[in-house]
Structures are given as C-alpha cells and as structure tokens.
PDB file of N, CA and C in Angstrom:
ATOM      1  N   MET A   1     -89.781 -26.199 -47.520  1.00  0.00           N
ATOM      2  CA  MET A   1     -90.056 -27.727 -47.150  1.00  0.00           C
ATOM      3  C   MET A   1     -89.858 -28.391 -48.284  1.00  0.00           C
ATOM      4  N   ASP A   2     -89.364 -29.700 -48.007  1.00  0.00           N
ATOM      5  CA  ASP A   2     -89.161 -30.405 -49.093  1.00  0.00           C
ATOM      6  C   ASP A   2     -90.515 -31.279 -49.699  1.00  0.00           C
ATOM      7  N   GLU A   3     -90.308 -31.329 -50.783  1.00  0.00           N
ATOM      8  CA  GLU A   3     -91.667 -32.074 -51.336  1.00  0.00           C
ATOM      9  C   GLU A   3     -92.054 -33.207 -50.915  1.00  0.00           C
ATOM     10  N   TYR A   4     -91.015 -34.048 -50.721  1.00  0.00           N
ATOM     11  CA  TYR A   4     -91.549 -35.477 -50.075  1.00  0.00           C
ATOM     12  C   TYR A   4     -91.963 -35.466 -48.829  1.00  0.00           C
ATOM     13  N   ILE A   5     -91.294 -34.753 -47.775  1.00  0.00           N
ATOM     14  CA  ILE A   5     -92.115 -34.392 -46.753  1.00  0.00           C
ATOM     15  C   ILE A   5     -93.191 -33.557 -46.544  1.00  0.00           C
ATOM     16  N   SER A   6     -93.151 -32.322 -47.429  1.00  0.00           N
ATOM     17  CA  SER A   6     -94.674 -31.653 -47.432  1.00  0.00           C
ATOM     18  C   SER A   6     -95.819 -32.639 -48.024  1.00  0.00           C
ATOM     19  N   GLY A   7     -95.548 -33.355 -48.826  1.00  0.00           N
ATOM     20  CA  GLY A   7     -96.548 -34.327 -49.512  1.00  0.00           C
ATOM     21  C   GLY A   7     -97.060 -35.251 -48.452  1.00  0.00           C
ATOM     22  N   ARG A   8     -95.925 -35.883 -48.037  1.00  0.00           N
ATOM     23  CA  ARG A   8     -96.698 -36.963 -46.701  1.00  0.00           C
ATOM     24  C   ARG A   8     -97.350 -36.259 -45.679  1.00  0.00           C
ATOM     25  N   ILE A   9     -97.076 -34.874 -45.415  1.00  0.00           N
ATOM     26  CA  ILE A   9     -98.100 -34.170 -44.300  1.00  0.00           C
ATOM     27  C   ILE A   9     -99.365 -33.899 -44.913  1.00  0.00           C
ATOM     28  N   VAL A  10     -99.407 -33.245 -46.166  1.00  0.00           N
ATOM     29  CA  VAL A  10    -100.856 -32.607 -46.797  1.00  0.00           C
ATOM     30  C   VAL A  10    -101.640 -33.955 -46.900  1.00  0.00           C
ATOM     31  N   ASN A  11    -100.816 -35.299 -47.224  1.00  0.00           N
ATOM     32  CA  ASN A  11    -101.731 -36.378 -47.850  1.00  0.00           C
ATOM     33  C   ASN A  11    -101.902 -37.314 -46.683  1.00  0.00           C
ATOM     34  N   MET A  12    -101.457 -37.243 -45.733  1.00  0.00           N
ATOM     35  CA  MET A  12    -101.743 -38.194 -44.461  1.00  0.00           C
ATOM     36  C   MET A  12    -103.020 -38.575 -44.110  1.00  0.00           C
ATOM     37  N   PRO A  13    -103.460 -39.875 -44.193  1.00  0.00           N
ATOM     38  CA  PRO A  13    -104.637 -40.263 -43.944  1.00  0.00           C
ATOM     39  C   PRO A  13    -105.067 -40.016 -42.418  1.00  0.00           C
ATOM     40  N   GLN A  14    -106.398 -39.940 -42.756  1.00  0.00           N
ATOM     41  CA  GLN A  14    -107.168 -38.836 -41.282  1.00  0.00           C
ATOM     42  C   GLN A  14    -106.924 -39.943 -40.147  1.00  0.00           C
ATOM     43  N   ASN A  15    -106.970 -41.174 -40.348  1.00  0.00           N
ATOM     44  CA  ASN A  15    -106.966 -42.140 -39.174  1.00  0.00           C
ATOM     45  C   ASN A  15    -105.533 -41.864 -38.560  1.00  0.00           C
ATOM     46  N   ILE A  16    -104.391 -41.802 -39.455  1.00  0.00           N
ATOM     47  CA  ILE A  16    -102.920 -41.514 -38.857  1.00  0.00           C
ATOM     48  C   ILE A  16    -102.995 -40.128 -38.049  1.00  0.00           C
ATOM     49  N   LEU A  17    -103.644 -39.260 -39.113  1.00  0.00           N
ATOM     50  CA  LEU A  17    -103.704 -37.670 -38.477  1.00  0.00           C
ATOM     51  C   LEU A  17    -104.339 -37.609 -37.066  1.00  0.00           C
ATOM     52  N   ASN A  18    -105.372 -38.501 -36.744  1.00  0.00           N
ATOM     53  CA  ASN A  18    -106.094 -38.611 -35.352  1.00  0.00           C
ATOM     54  C   ASN A  18    -105.618 -39.513 -34.552  1.00  0.00           C
ATOM     55  N   SER A  19    -104.786 -40.245 -34.904  1.00  0.00           N
ATOM     56  CA  SER A  19    -104.023 -41.276 -33.954  1.00  0.00           C
ATOM     57  C   SER A  19    -103.109 -40.780 -32.723  1.00  0.00           C
ATOM     58  N   TYR A  20    -102.936 -39.329 -32.938  1.00  0.00           N
ATOM     59  CA  TYR A  20    -101.574 -38.872 -31.965  1.00  0.00           C
ATOM     60  C   TYR A  20    -102.135 -37.383 -31.834  1.00  0.00           C
ATOM     61  N   ASN A  21    -101.828 -37.287 -30.554  1.00  0.00           N
ATOM     62  CA  ASN A  21    -102.184 -35.777 -30.179  1.00  0.00           C
ATOM     63  C   ASN A  21    -101.223 -35.026 -29.220  1.00  0.00           C
ATOM     64  N   LYS A  22    -100.194 -35.467 -29.103  1.00  0.00           N
ATOM     65  CA  LYS A  22     -99.016 -35.401 -28.336  1.00  0.00           C
ATOM     66  C   LYS A  22     -97.856 -34.497 -28.924  1.00  0.00           C
ATOM     67  N   THR A  23     -98.465 -33.342 -29.784  1.00  0.00           N
ATOM     68  CA  THR A  23     -97.581 -32.745 -30.803  1.00  0.00           C
ATOM     69  C   THR A  23     -98.130 -31.586 -31.051  1.00  0.00           C
ATOM     70  N   LYS A  24     -97.541 -30.566 -31.367  1.00  0.00           N
ATOM     71  CA  LYS A  24     -98.198 -29.062 -32.104  1.00  0.00           C
ATOM     72  C   LYS A  24     -98.979 -29.549 -33.273  1.00  0.00           C
ATOM     73  N   ARG A  25     -98.365 -30.473 -34.080  1.00  0.00           N
ATOM     74  CA  ARG A  25     -98.935 -30.758 -35.490  1.00  0.00           C
ATOM     75  C   ARG A  25     -97.949 -31.676 -35.998  1.00  0.00           C
ATOM     76  N   ALA A  26     -98.624 -32.402 -37.135  1.00  0.00           N
ATOM     77  CA  ALA A  26     -97.908 -33.591 -37.748  1.00  0.00           C
ATOM     78  C   ALA A  26     -96.649 -32.861 -38.529  1.00  0.00           C
ATOM     79  N   GLY A  27     -95.772 -33.661 -38.290  1.00  0.00           N
ATOM     80  CA  GLY A  27     -94.149 -32.925 -38.915  1.00  0.00           C
ATOM     81  C   GLY A  27     -93.538 -32.062 -37.950  1.00  0.00           C
ATOM     82  N   SER A  28     -93.601 -31.762 -36.700  1.00  0.00           N
ATOM     83  CA  SER A  28     -93.176 -30.929 -35.961  1.00  0.00           C
ATOM     84  C   SER A  28     -92.169 -31.289 -34.794  1.00  0.00           C
ATOM     85  N   HIS A  29     -92.125 -32.965 -35.178  1.00  0.00           N
ATOM     86  CA  HIS A  29     -91.140 -33.509 -34.388  1.00  0.00           C
ATOM     87  C   HIS A  29     -89.573 -33.551 -34.947  1.00  0.00           C
ATOM     88  N   ALA A  30     -88.495 -33.371 -34.159  1.00  0.00           N
ATOM     89  CA  ALA A  30     -87.211 -33.218 -34.505  1.00  0.00           C
ATOM     90  C   ALA A  30     -86.700 -34.412 -35.572  1.00  0.00           C
ATOM     91  N   GLU A  31     -87.295 -35.500 -35.875  1.00  0.00           N
ATOM     92  CA  GLU A  31     -86.789 -36.367 -36.768  1.00  0.00           C
ATOM     93  C   GLU A  31     -87.358 -35.796 -38.242  1.00  0.00           C
ATOM     94  N   VAL A  32     -88.364 -35.399 -38.195  1.00  0.00           N
ATOM     95  CA  VAL A  32     -88.713 -34.758 -39.695  1.00  0.00           C
ATOM     96  C   VAL A  32     -88.202 -33.602 -39.640  1.00  0.00           C
ATOM     97  N   ASN A  33     -87.994 -32.727 -38.873  1.00  0.00           N
ATOM     98  CA  ASN A  33     -87.211 -31.641 -39.160  1.00  0.00           C
ATOM     99  C   ASN A  33     -85.815 -31.892 -39.726  1.00  0.00           C
ATOM    100  N   ALA A  34     -85.260 -33.035 -38.991  1.00  0.00           N
ATOM    101  CA  ALA A  34     -84.042 -33.442 -39.601  1.00  0.00           C
ATOM    102  C   ALA A  34     -83.913 -33.871 -40.915  1.00  0.00           C
ATOM    103  N   LEU A  35     -84.835 -34.547 -41.156  1.00  0.00           N
ATOM    104  CA  LEU A  35     -84.977 -35.304 -42.419  1.00  0.00           C
ATOM    105  C   LEU A  35     -85.340 -34.510 -43.756  1.00  0.00           C
ATOM    106  N   ASN A  36     -86.134 -33.420 -43.067  1.00  0.00           N
ATOM    107  CA  ASN A  36     -86.623 -32.442 -43.963  1.00  0.00           C
ATOM    108  C   ASN A  36     -85.054 -31.193 -44.419  1.00  0.00           C
ATOM    109  N   GLU A  37     -84.435 -31.017 -43.454  1.00  0.00           N
ATOM    110  CA  GLU A  37     -83.127 -30.394 -43.690  1.00  0.00           C
ATOM    111  C   GLU A  37     -82.085 -31.265 -44.537  1.00  0.00           C
ATOM    112  N   ALA A  38     -81.996 -32.392 -44.264  1.00  0.00           N
ATOM    113  CA  ALA A  38     -81.108 -33.323 -45.129  1.00  0.00           C
ATOM    114  C   ALA A  38     -81.385 -33.436 -46.390  1.00  0.00           C
ATOM    115  N   LEU A  39     -82.676 -33.551 -46.884  1.00  0.00           N
ATOM    116  CA  LEU A  39     -83.217 -33.910 -48.068  1.00  0.00           C
ATOM    117  C   LEU A  39     -83.097 -32.571 -48.876  1.00  0.00           C
ATOM    118  N   LEU A  40     -83.272 -31.344 -48.064  1.00  0.00           N
ATOM    119  CA  LEU A  40     -82.950 -29.896 -48.936  1.00  0.00           C
ATOM    120  C   LEU A  40     -81.587 -29.743 -49.065  1.00  0.00           C
ATOM    121  N   ALA A  41     -80.836 -30.208 -48.296  1.00  0.00           N
ATOM    122  CA  ALA A  41     -79.226 -29.973 -48.590  1.00  0.00           C
ATOM    123  C   ALA A  41     -78.751 -31.201 -49.833  1.00  0.00           C
ATOM    124  N   ARG A  42     -79.430 -31.893 -49.689  1.00  0.00           N
ATOM    125  CA  ARG A  42     -79.032 -33.177 -50.798  1.00  0.00           C
ATOM    126  C   ARG A  42     -80.120 -33.077 -51.881  1.00  0.00           C
ATOM    127  N   LYS A  43     -80.168 -32.491 -52.650  1.00  0.00           N
ATOM    128  CA  LYS A  43     -81.196 -32.084 -54.015  1.00  0.00           C
ATOM    129  C   LYS A  43     -81.049 -33.444 -54.618  1.00  0.00           C
ATOM    130  N   GLY A  44     -82.046 -34.182 -55.050  1.00  0.00           N
ATOM    131  CA  GLY A  44     -82.244 -35.477 -55.807  1.00  0.00           C
ATOM    132  C   GLY A  44     -81.836 -36.709 -55.086  1.00  0.00           C
ATOM    133  N   ALA A  45     -81.434 -36.748 -53.717  1.00  0.00           N
ATOM    134  CA  ALA A  45     -81.458 -37.763 -52.674  1.00  0.00           C
ATOM    135  C   ALA A  45     -82.473 -38.687 -52.713  1.00  0.00           C
ATOM    136  N   ASN A  46     -82.535 -39.891 -52.809  1.00  0.00           N
ATOM    137  CA  ASN A  46     -83.609 -40.529 -52.294  1.00  0.00           C
ATOM    138  C   ASN A  46     -83.747 -40.714 -50.906  1.00  0.00           C
ATOM    139  N   ILE A  47     -84.912 -41.068 -50.369  1.00  0.00           N
ATOM    140  CA  ILE A  47     -85.593 -41.418 -49.031  1.00  0.00           C
ATOM    141  C   ILE A  47     -84.690 -42.217 -48.289  1.00  0.00           C
ATOM    142  N   ASP A  48     -84.494 -43.397 -49.085  1.00  0.00           N
ATOM    143  CA  ASP A  48     -84.122 -44.502 -48.545  1.00  0.00           C
ATOM    144  C   ASP A  48     -82.295 -44.359 -48.353  1.00  0.00           C
ATOM    145  N   GLU A  49     -81.658 -43.359 -48.762  1.00  0.00           N
ATOM    146  CA  GLU A  49     -80.410 -42.949 -48.530  1.00  0.00           C
ATOM    147  C   GLU A  49     -80.242 -42.223 -47.036  1.00  0.00           C
ATOM    148  N   PHE A  50     -81.210 -42.373 -46.209  1.00  0.00           N
ATOM    149  CA  PHE A  50     -81.177 -41.490 -44.943  1.00  0.00           C
ATOM    150  C   PHE A  50     -81.599 -42.446 -43.741  1.00  0.00           C
ATOM    151  N   MET A  51     -80.674 -42.393 -42.559  1.00  0.00           N
ATOM    152  CA  MET A  51     -80.774 -42.954 -41.691  1.00  0.00           C
ATOM    153  C   MET A  51     -81.381 -42.202 -40.535  1.00  0.00           C
ATOM    154  N   ILE A  52     -82.203 -42.431 -39.743  1.00  0.00           N
ATOM    155  CA  ILE A  52     -82.959 -41.892 -38.580  1.00  0.00           C
ATOM    156  C   ILE A  52     -82.673 -42.390 -37.451  1.00  0.00           C
ATOM    157  N   HIS A  53     -82.185 -41.794 -36.220  1.00  0.00           N
ATOM    158  CA  HIS A  53     -81.934 -42.092 -34.887  1.00  0.00           C
ATOM    159  C   HIS A  53     -82.819 -41.121 -34.059  1.00  0.00           C
ATOM    160  N   VAL A  54     -83.597 -41.872 -33.358  1.00  0.00           N
ATOM    161  CA  VAL A  54     -84.328 -40.969 -32.388  1.00  0.00           C
ATOM    162  C   VAL A  54     -84.208 -41.342 -31.028  1.00  0.00           C
ATOM    163  N   ILE A  55     -83.534 -40.230 -30.417  1.00  0.00           N
ATOM    164  CA  ILE A  55     -83.028 -40.297 -29.081  1.00  0.00           C
ATOM    165  C   ILE A  55     -84.091 -39.300 -28.289  1.00  0.00           C
ATOM    166  N   SER A  56     -84.248 -39.695 -27.232  1.00  0.00           N
ATOM    167  CA  SER A  56     -85.144 -38.799 -26.143  1.00  0.00           C
ATOM    168  C   SER A  56     -84.399 -37.690 -25.670  1.00  0.00           C
ATOM    169  N   THR A  57     -84.974 -36.599 -25.465  1.00  0.00           N
ATOM    170  CA  THR A  57     -84.326 -35.151 -24.916  1.00  0.00           C
ATOM    171  C   THR A  57     -84.695 -35.211 -23.359  1.00  0.00           C
ATOM    172  N   LYS A  58     -85.692 -36.001 -23.127  1.00  0.00           N
ATOM    173  CA  LYS A  58     -86.000 -35.652 -21.767  1.00  0.00           C
ATOM    174  C   LYS A  58     -86.708 -37.008 -21.067  1.00  0.00           C
ATOM    175  N   GLY A  59     -86.829 -37.294 -19.982  1.00  0.00           N
ATOM    176  CA  GLY A  59     -87.791 -38.561 -19.421  1.00  0.00           C
ATOM    177  C   GLY A  59     -88.954 -38.581 -19.697  1.00  0.00           C
ATOM    178  N   LEU A  60     -89.704 -39.516 -20.395  1.00  0.00           N
ATOM    179  CA  LEU A  60     -91.025 -39.611 -20.972  1.00  0.00           C
ATOM    180  C   LEU A  60     -91.689 -40.701 -20.184  1.00  0.00           C
ATOM    181  N   GLY A  61     -91.252 -41.159 -18.720  1.00  0.00           N
ATOM    182  CA  GLY A  61     -92.270 -41.902 -18.251  1.00  0.00           C
ATOM    183  C   GLY A  61     -91.708 -43.306 -18.089  1.00  0.00           C
ATOM    184  N   PRO A  62     -92.077 -44.413 -17.549  1.00  0.00           N
ATOM    185  CA  PRO A  62     -91.200 -45.721 -17.085  1.00  0.00           C
ATOM    186  C   PRO A  62     -90.402 -46.279 -18.110  1.00  0.00           C
ATOM    187  N   SER A  63     -91.133 -46.272 -19.494  1.00  0.00           N
ATOM    188  CA  SER A  63     -90.277 -46.994 -20.619  1.00  0.00           C
ATOM    189  C   SER A  63     -88.907 -45.864 -21.279  1.00  0.00           C
ATOM    190  N   ILE A  64     -89.265 -44.829 -20.913  1.00  0.00           N
ATOM    191  CA  ILE A  64     -88.164 -43.793 -21.457  1.00  0.00           C
ATOM    192  C   ILE A  64     -87.858 -42.769 -19.941  1.00  0.00           C
ATOM    193  N   PRO A  65     -87.196 -43.131 -19.139  1.00  0.00           N
ATOM    194  CA  PRO A  65     -86.983 -42.563 -17.864  1.00  0.00           C
ATOM    195  C   PRO A  65     -86.012 -41.504 -17.865  1.00  0.00           C
ATOM    196  N   ARG A  66     -85.231 -41.144 -19.100  1.00  0.00           N
ATOM    197  CA  ARG A  66     -84.215 -40.292 -18.884  1.00  0.00           C
ATOM    198  C   ARG A  66     -83.876 -39.834 -20.279  1.00  0.00           C
ATOM    199  N   ALA A  67     -83.151 -38.526 -20.412  1.00  0.00           N
ATOM    200  CA  ALA A  67     -82.686 -38.126 -21.801  1.00  0.00           C
ATOM    201  C   ALA A  67     -81.592 -39.249 -22.297  1.00  0.00           C
ATOM    202  N   GLY A  68     -81.472 -39.274 -23.556  1.00  0.00           N
ATOM    203  CA  GLY A  68     -80.673 -40.103 -24.478  1.00  0.00           C
ATOM    204  C   GLY A  68     -81.079 -41.516 -24.509  1.00  0.00           C
ATOM    205  N   ILE A  69     -82.090 -41.983 -24.605  1.00  0.00           N
ATOM    206  CA  ILE A  69     -82.509 -43.384 -24.548  1.00  0.00           C
ATOM    207  C   ILE A  69     -83.105 -43.428 -26.139  1.00  0.00           C
ATOM    208  N   PRO A  70     -83.050 -44.228 -26.961  1.00  0.00           N
ATOM    209  CA  PRO A  70     -83.698 -44.320 -28.099  1.00  0.00           C
ATOM    210  C   PRO A  70     -85.091 -44.733 -27.967  1.00  0.00           C
ATOM    211  N   MET A  71     -85.864 -44.005 -28.838  1.00  0.00           N
ATOM    212  CA  MET A  71     -87.154 -44.236 -28.597  1.00  0.00           C
ATOM    213  C   MET A  71     -88.001 -44.398 -29.946  1.00  0.00           C
ATOM    214  N   PRO A  72     -89.171 -45.075 -30.117  1.00  0.00           N
ATOM    215  CA  PRO A  72     -89.827 -45.269 -31.102  1.00  0.00           C
ATOM    216  C   PRO A  72     -90.732 -43.801 -31.815  1.00  0.00           C
ATOM    217  N   ARG A  73     -90.806 -43.773 -33.139  1.00  0.00           N
ATOM    218  CA  ARG A  73     -91.403 -42.671 -33.647  1.00  0.00           C
ATOM    219  C   ARG A  73     -92.780 -42.824 -33.476  1.00  0.00           C
ATOM    220  N   CYS A  74     -93.382 -41.626 -33.401  1.00  0.00           N
ATOM    221  CA  CYS A  74     -94.855 -41.533 -33.021  1.00  0.00           C
ATOM    222  C   CYS A  74     -95.401 -41.846 -34.567  1.00  0.00           C
ATOM    223  N   GLN A  75     -96.680 -42.089 -34.546  1.00  0.00           N
ATOM    224  CA  GLN A  75     -97.547 -42.421 -35.586  1.00  0.00           C
ATOM    225  C   GLN A  75     -97.439 -41.370 -37.001  1.00  0.00           C
ATOM    226  N   HIS A  76     -97.484 -39.863 -36.702  1.00  0.00           N
ATOM    227  CA  HIS A  76     -97.116 -39.062 -37.647  1.00  0.00           C
ATOM    228  C   HIS A  76     -95.682 -39.244 -38.108  1.00  0.00           C
ATOM    229  N   CYS A  77     -94.651 -39.400 -37.430  1.00  0.00           N
ATOM    230  CA  CYS A  77     -93.481 -39.419 -37.890  1.00  0.00           C
ATOM    231  C   CYS A  77     -93.309 -40.444 -38.671  1.00  0.00           C
ATOM    232  N   GLU A  78     -93.574 -41.798 -38.424  1.00  0.00           N
ATOM    233  CA  GLU A  78     -93.431 -42.778 -38.707  1.00  0.00           C
ATOM    234  C   GLU A  78     -94.029 -42.930 -40.363  1.00  0.00           C
ATOM    235  N   TYR A  79     -95.218 -42.217 -40.205  1.00  0.00           N
ATOM    236  CA  TYR A  79     -95.876 -42.001 -41.717  1.00  0.00           C
ATOM    237  C   TYR A  79     -95.141 -41.273 -42.539  1.00  0.00           C
ATOM    238  N   ILE A  80     -94.473 -39.923 -41.750  1.00  0.00           N
ATOM    239  CA  ILE A  80     -93.916 -38.942 -42.642  1.00  0.00           C
ATOM    240  C   ILE A  80     -92.556 -39.425 -43.106  1.00  0.00           C
ATOM    241  N   THR A  81     -92.021 -40.206 -42.409  1.00  0.00           N
ATOM    242  CA  THR A  81     -90.705 -40.525 -42.734  1.00  0.00           C
ATOM    243  C   THR A  81     -90.248 -42.115 -43.287  1.00  0.00           C
ATOM    244  N   ASN A  82     -91.720 -42.426 -43.519  1.00  0.00           N
ATOM    245  CA  ASN A  82     -91.597 -44.022 -44.266  1.00  0.00           C
ATOM    246  C   ASN A  82     -90.904 -44.018 -45.621  1.00  0.00           C
ATOM    247  N   GLY A  83     -90.125 -44.934 -45.528  1.00  0.00           N
ATOM    248  CA  GLY A  83     -88.962 -45.016 -46.904  1.00  0.00           C
ATOM    249  C   GLY A  83     -87.795 -45.018 -46.241  1.00  0.00           C
ATOM    250  N   SER A  84     -87.452 -44.055 -45.216  1.00  0.00           N
ATOM    251  CA  SER A  84     -86.200 -44.065 -44.695  1.00  0.00           C
ATOM    252  C   SER A  84     -85.702 -45.252 -43.927  1.00  0.00           C
ATOM    253  N   ASN A  85     -84.412 -45.184 -43.435  1.00  0.00           N
ATOM    254  CA  ASN A  85     -84.044 -46.128 -42.563  1.00  0.00           C
ATOM    255  C   ASN A  85     -84.160 -45.674 -41.200  1.00  0.00           C
ATOM    256  N   TYR A  86     -84.526 -46.461 -40.047  1.00  0.00           N
ATOM    257  CA  TYR A  86     -84.824 -46.115 -39.134  1.00  0.00           C
ATOM    258  C   TYR A  86     -84.229 -46.991 -37.765  1.00  0.00           C
ATOM    259  N   TYR A  87     -83.729 -46.542 -36.994  1.00  0.00           N
ATOM    260  CA  TYR A  87     -82.839 -47.348 -35.975  1.00  0.00           C
ATOM    261  C   TYR A  87     -83.475 -46.639 -34.521  1.00  0.00           C
ATOM    262  N   PRO A  88     -84.106 -47.335 -33.959  1.00  0.00           N
ATOM    263  CA  PRO A  88     -84.360 -48.794 -33.462  1.00  0.00           C
ATOM    264  C   PRO A  88     -85.730 -49.280 -33.763  1.00  0.00           C
ATOM    265  N   GLU A  89     -86.315 -49.532 -34.854  1.00  0.00           N
ATOM    266  CA  GLU A  89     -87.573 -49.855 -34.959  1.00  0.00           C
ATOM    267  C   GLU A  89     -88.103 -51.012 -34.033  1.00  0.00           C
ATOM    268  N   VAL A  90     -87.324 -51.942 -33.581  1.00  0.00           N
ATOM    269  CA  VAL A  90     -87.600 -52.773 -32.678  1.00  0.00           C
ATOM    270  C   VAL A  90     -88.163 -52.244 -31.131  1.00  0.00           C
ATOM    271  N   LEU A  91     -87.752 -51.180 -30.967  1.00  0.00           N
ATOM    272  CA  LEU A  91     -88.218 -50.743 -29.853  1.00  0.00           C
ATOM    273  C   LEU A  91     -89.913 -50.495 -29.778  1.00  0.00           C
ATOM    274  N   LYS A  92     -90.491 -50.055 -31.194  1.00  0.00           N
ATOM    275  CA  LYS A  92     -91.850 -50.055 -31.334  1.00  0.00           C
ATOM    276  C   LYS A  92     -92.610 -51.224 -31.000  1.00  0.00           C
ATOM    277  N   TYR A  93     -91.909 -52.309 -31.202  1.00  0.00           N
ATOM    278  CA  TYR A  93     -92.470 -53.577 -30.949  1.00  0.00           C
ATOM    279  C   TYR A  93     -92.245 -54.359 -29.727  1.00  0.00           C
ATOM    280  N   GLY A  94     -91.705 -53.529 -28.922  1.00  0.00           N
ATOM    281  CA  GLY A  94     -91.251 -53.912 -27.449  1.00  0.00           C
ATOM    282  C   GLY A  94     -90.366 -55.393 -27.360  1.00  0.00           C
ATOM    283  N   LYS A  95     -89.424 -55.460 -28.578  1.00  0.00           N
ATOM    284  CA  LYS A  95     -88.777 -56.860 -28.435  1.00  0.00           C
ATOM    285  C   LYS A  95     -87.190 -56.276 -28.104  1.00  0.00           C
TER     286      LYS A  95
END
C-alpha cells in the first residue's frame, strides 16, 4: 500500500473513523483502491495530480436510484483521499 494512503488510514481521527459504518473498513472503497494503485504506479507523484470520479455501481436509494450516477465520497474516503481533486464535490452539499 502507498505510504500516503496507509498513513491516512492509520492516523484517521477517531471521530471520522466512527462516523461511517457502511463499509468493511476504512480504505475499502473503490476510490481509495484506485488512488492507491495510481500512486504506486507513479512513484513520486503528488496527491494533487490525481482526479477522482466516484460513480455508483448500483442503486442506493432515492438520491442514487441506479448505477452510473456520480456520488459523494463517504467520510472515510473523503479523509483518506484528501488533497486529490474530486468530482463532483457539489453532490456532497446538495447543490
């Protein structure tokens, strides 16, 4: 695992770690795995050189009724991928 990613997981504040429980563990979502692979493939790259697009793979309720819809990151992923570019952050705020 890339040092940046593992460091963010290990040093995640308890309040963020406890704020989300719809996952196997912090760092298990696709956007973290993809960013980790990209950082490993491009040694020496900075986190802000990467753009993250999060798209649903299935319907998740009224706000994300089917696969293929852009969606916000969970609290864990937002913390772990902090510093990268993310599209579409506006979904998080409902704008």
